């Protein structure tokens, strides 16, 4: 994962990552077929989740043209209630811990009260903390080996260093974000899996 921080201007590599990040986000926002790609990735997610033992899954609120994982997860939650009866499946969305610059996951459900965090991103308001065993992570870009290009803040890496047990991490992105020559940095931690609108692209 990308933990470079927003160090643009300090090194040529950091500046190159900043420019690459901006270009990928612009491409994603302007994709003419984003709705069709999103529908395909929803289906990929739902199939991938079949048979998973998890009852608490962490995800994210989509920004900047990101794929929205919440419809597929809500369907997963409903399916679990039909199959398992009282056994409750939970969905968590991140809330930023500004002191430690990590993420804490709070329960989310359709219609739950929301408020904006310090970055203007909606988060659950006053819902209970949940601990996911599976974490869906947004990818600005991604490459072979399970490596991800994020927004540069390092929130996910710091969070994963503190969560016990460490959750399975699954990157979500469109095929447009694949980077054949993405170079991992020494501190980057690979994702356990990556899904895009064509299917599971990692592990190969």
Protein backbone atom coordinates (compact mmCIF):
# COMPACT_ATOMS: atom_id res chain seq x y z
CA UNK A 1 0.00 0.00 0.00
CA UNK A 2 1.06 3.57 -0.53
CA UNK A 3 2.33 5.17 2.65
CA UNK A 4 4.42 7.84 1.02
CA UNK A 5 2.35 10.66 2.48
CA UNK A 6 1.82 13.81 0.46
CA UNK A 7 5.51 14.56 0.04
CA UNK A 8 5.16 16.24 -3.33
CA UNK A 9 8.08 18.47 -4.15
CA UNK A 10 10.49 16.70 -1.80
CA UNK A 11 11.67 14.00 -4.19
CA UNK A 12 11.20 13.28 -7.90
CA UNK A 13 9.55 9.96 -6.98
CA UNK A 14 7.02 11.65 -4.69
CA UNK A 15 6.22 14.23 -7.37
CA UNK A 16 5.81 11.50 -9.98
CA UNK A 17 3.39 9.62 -7.69
CA UNK A 18 1.40 12.79 -7.10
CA UNK A 19 1.07 13.40 -10.84
CA UNK A 20 0.19 9.75 -11.53
CA UNK A 21 -2.44 9.81 -8.77
CA UNK A 22 -4.04 12.97 -10.20
CA UNK A 23 -4.07 11.56 -13.75
CA UNK A 24 -5.70 8.30 -12.65
CA UNK A 25 -8.39 10.09 -10.64
CA UNK A 26 -9.19 12.36 -13.60
CA UNK A 27 -9.45 9.34 -15.91
CA UNK A 28 -11.73 7.54 -13.46
CA UNK A 29 -14.05 10.49 -12.96
CA UNK A 30 -14.39 10.96 -16.73
CA UNK A 31 -14.94 7.32 -17.73
CA UNK A 32 -17.93 7.21 -20.07
CA UNK A 33 -18.80 3.63 -19.12
CA UNK A 34 -18.32 3.93 -15.36
CA UNK A 35 -21.89 2.82 -14.55
CA UNK A 36 -21.50 -0.35 -16.62
CA UNK A 37 -18.11 -1.06 -15.06
CA UNK A 38 -19.56 -0.48 -11.59
CA UNK A 39 -22.38 -2.95 -12.26
CA UNK A 40 -19.83 -5.54 -13.39
CA UNK A 41 -17.69 -5.02 -10.28
CA UNK A 42 -20.76 -5.29 -8.03
CA UNK A 43 -21.33 -8.74 -9.53
CA UNK A 44 -17.67 -9.70 -9.12
CA UNK A 45 -17.82 -8.69 -5.45
CA UNK A 46 -20.97 -10.65 -4.76
CA UNK A 47 -19.55 -13.81 -6.33
CA UNK A 48 -16.22 -13.40 -4.53
CA UNK A 49 -18.00 -13.10 -1.17
CA UNK A 50 -19.89 -16.39 -1.57
CA UNK A 51 -18.61 -18.83 1.04
CA UNK A 52 -16.58 -16.26 2.99
CA UNK A 53 -16.86 -16.85 6.76
CA UNK A 54 -16.72 -13.15 7.69
CA UNK A 55 -19.54 -11.54 9.66
CA UNK A 56 -18.00 -8.04 9.90
CA UNK A 57 -16.69 -6.36 6.75
CA UNK A 58 -15.11 -2.92 6.56
CA UNK A 59 -15.46 -0.79 3.45
CA UNK A 60 -15.43 2.92 2.50
CA UNK A 61 -17.66 5.76 1.35
CA UNK A 62 -16.83 6.36 -2.34
CA UNK A 63 -15.26 9.67 -3.39
CA UNK A 64 -13.67 11.01 -6.59
CA UNK A 65 -15.32 8.50 -8.91
CA UNK A 66 -14.43 5.47 -6.77
CA UNK A 67 -16.39 2.27 -7.10
CA UNK A 68 -19.21 2.09 -4.53
CA UNK A 69 -19.00 -1.22 -2.61
CA UNK A 70 -21.99 -0.54 -0.36
CA UNK A 71 -24.84 -1.92 -2.54
CA UNK A 72 -23.07 -5.29 -2.86
CA UNK A 73 -22.32 -5.34 0.87
CA UNK A 74 -25.90 -4.48 1.78
CA UNK A 75 -27.02 -7.39 -0.40
CA UNK A 76 -24.43 -9.59 1.37
CA UNK A 77 -25.88 -8.49 4.74
CA UNK A 78 -29.45 -9.22 3.63
CA UNK A 79 -28.45 -12.61 2.21
CA UNK A 80 -26.84 -13.49 5.53
CA UNK A 81 -30.00 -12.65 7.43
CA UNK A 82 -31.99 -14.92 5.14
CA UNK A 83 -29.47 -17.76 5.38
CA UNK A 84 -28.32 -17.51 8.97
CA UNK A 85 -31.39 -16.14 10.72
CA UNK A 86 -30.38 -14.23 13.85
CA UNK A 87 -26.64 -14.42 13.04
CA UNK A 88 -25.90 -10.77 12.30
CA UNK A 89 -23.63 -9.54 9.53
CA UNK A 90 -22.21 -6.05 10.01
CA UNK A 91 -20.76 -3.44 7.68
CA UNK A 92 -18.26 -0.87 8.96
CA UNK A 93 -17.19 2.46 7.50
CA UNK A 94 -14.00 4.28 8.52
CA UNK A 95 -13.84 7.19 10.93
CA UNK A 96 -10.51 9.02 11.07
CA UNK A 97 -8.66 9.16 14.38
CA UNK A 98 -7.04 12.56 13.90
CA UNK A 99 -4.57 12.07 16.77
CA UNK A 100 -3.10 8.77 15.60
CA UNK A 101 -3.98 9.19 11.89
CA UNK A 102 -5.60 5.76 11.81
CA UNK A 103 -9.09 4.53 10.94
CA UNK A 104 -11.68 3.14 13.33
CA UNK A 105 -14.66 1.36 11.82
CA UNK A 106 -18.21 2.22 12.89
CA UNK A 107 -21.33 0.25 11.99
CA UNK A 108 -23.14 1.44 8.86
CA UNK A 109 -26.53 0.53 7.44
CA UNK A 110 -28.71 2.21 4.80
CA UNK A 111 -30.35 5.26 6.33
CA UNK A 112 -28.12 5.41 9.39
CA UNK A 113 -27.29 8.94 10.60
CA UNK A 114 -24.21 10.36 8.89
CA UNK A 115 -21.93 13.37 9.33
CA UNK A 116 -18.85 14.69 7.55
CA UNK A 117 -15.39 13.94 8.89
CA UNK A 118 -12.47 16.37 8.92
CA UNK A 119 -11.92 15.68 5.20
CA UNK A 120 -15.55 16.23 4.19
CA UNK A 121 -16.25 12.51 3.73
CA UNK A 122 -19.51 11.13 5.20
CA UNK A 123 -19.11 8.84 8.21
CA UNK A 124 -21.57 7.06 10.52
CA UNK A 125 -22.69 9.24 13.41
CA UNK A 126 -22.67 7.74 16.90
CA UNK A 127 -22.89 4.10 15.80
CA UNK A 128 -20.93 1.38 17.58
CA UNK A 129 -17.35 0.45 16.77
CA UNK A 130 -16.93 -2.81 14.84
CA UNK A 131 -13.75 -4.77 14.08
CA UNK A 132 -13.71 -6.14 10.51
CA UNK A 133 -12.10 -9.45 9.59
CA UNK A 134 -12.28 -8.46 5.91
CA UNK A 135 -11.48 -4.99 4.63
CA UNK A 136 -12.32 -3.64 1.17
CA UNK A 137 -9.84 -0.90 0.25
CA UNK A 138 -10.22 1.64 -2.59
CA UNK A 139 -7.44 1.73 -5.17
CA UNK A 140 -6.46 4.79 -7.18
CA UNK A 141 -4.14 2.41 -9.01
CA UNK A 142 -2.81 -1.09 -8.48
CA UNK A 143 -0.20 -3.42 -9.94
CA UNK A 144 1.12 -6.94 -9.93
CA UNK A 145 2.04 -8.41 -6.57
CA UNK A 146 -1.04 -6.93 -4.91
CA UNK A 147 0.44 -3.45 -4.52
CA UNK A 148 -1.83 -0.42 -4.34
CA UNK A 149 -1.46 3.25 -5.13
CA UNK A 150 -3.62 5.16 -2.65
CA UNK A 151 -4.11 8.84 -1.91
CA UNK A 152 -0.79 9.14 -0.10
CA UNK A 153 -2.02 9.61 3.47
CA UNK A 154 -0.96 6.21 4.80
CA UNK A 155 -4.17 5.76 6.84
CA UNK A 156 -4.71 2.14 5.84
CA UNK A 157 -1.16 1.02 6.56
CA UNK A 158 -1.18 2.60 10.02
CA UNK A 159 -4.61 1.10 10.70
CA UNK A 160 -3.55 -2.40 9.63
CA UNK A 161 -0.54 -2.15 11.92
CA UNK A 162 -2.89 -1.75 14.90
CA UNK A 163 -5.82 -4.06 14.05
CA UNK A 164 -5.67 -7.47 15.72
CA UNK A 165 -6.22 -9.91 14.24
CA UNK A 166 -5.11 -8.38 10.96
CA UNK A 167 -8.04 -8.43 8.51
CA UNK A 168 -7.92 -9.84 5.00
CA UNK A 169 -7.42 -6.86 2.67
CA UNK A 170 -9.08 -6.70 -0.73
CA UNK A 171 -8.48 -3.85 -3.18
CA UNK A 172 -11.32 -2.59 -5.38
CA UNK A 173 -10.76 -0.63 -8.57
CA UNK A 174 -11.60 -0.43 -12.22
CA UNK A 175 -9.49 -2.03 -14.94
CA UNK A 176 -8.53 1.53 -15.92
CA UNK A 177 -6.39 1.75 -12.75
CA UNK A 178 -4.08 -1.16 -13.51
CA UNK A 179 -0.44 -0.06 -13.60
CA UNK A 180 1.85 -2.57 -15.29
CA UNK A 181 4.98 -0.87 -13.93
CA UNK A 182 3.86 0.16 -10.44
CA UNK A 183 6.97 -0.04 -8.27
CA UNK A 184 6.48 -1.03 -4.65
CA UNK A 185 8.26 1.11 -2.09
CA UNK A 186 10.07 -0.50 0.88
CA UNK A 187 7.23 0.27 3.29
CA UNK A 188 4.41 -0.92 0.97
CA UNK A 189 2.37 -3.90 2.19
CA UNK A 190 0.64 -5.96 -0.52
CA UNK A 191 -3.10 -6.53 -0.53
CA UNK A 192 -4.34 -10.09 -0.09
CA UNK A 193 -6.54 -9.81 -3.19
CA UNK A 194 -7.61 -7.29 -5.84
CA UNK A 195 -10.93 -7.25 -7.70
CA UNK A 196 -11.80 -5.17 -10.74
CA UNK A 197 -14.68 -5.09 -13.21
CA UNK A 198 -13.16 -8.04 -15.10
CA UNK A 199 -12.91 -10.32 -12.05
CA UNK A 200 -10.29 -11.27 -9.48
CA UNK A 201 -6.93 -9.96 -10.75
CA UNK A 202 -4.84 -10.84 -7.68
CA UNK A 203 -3.77 -13.44 -6.75
CA UNK A 204 -3.34 -14.50 -10.36
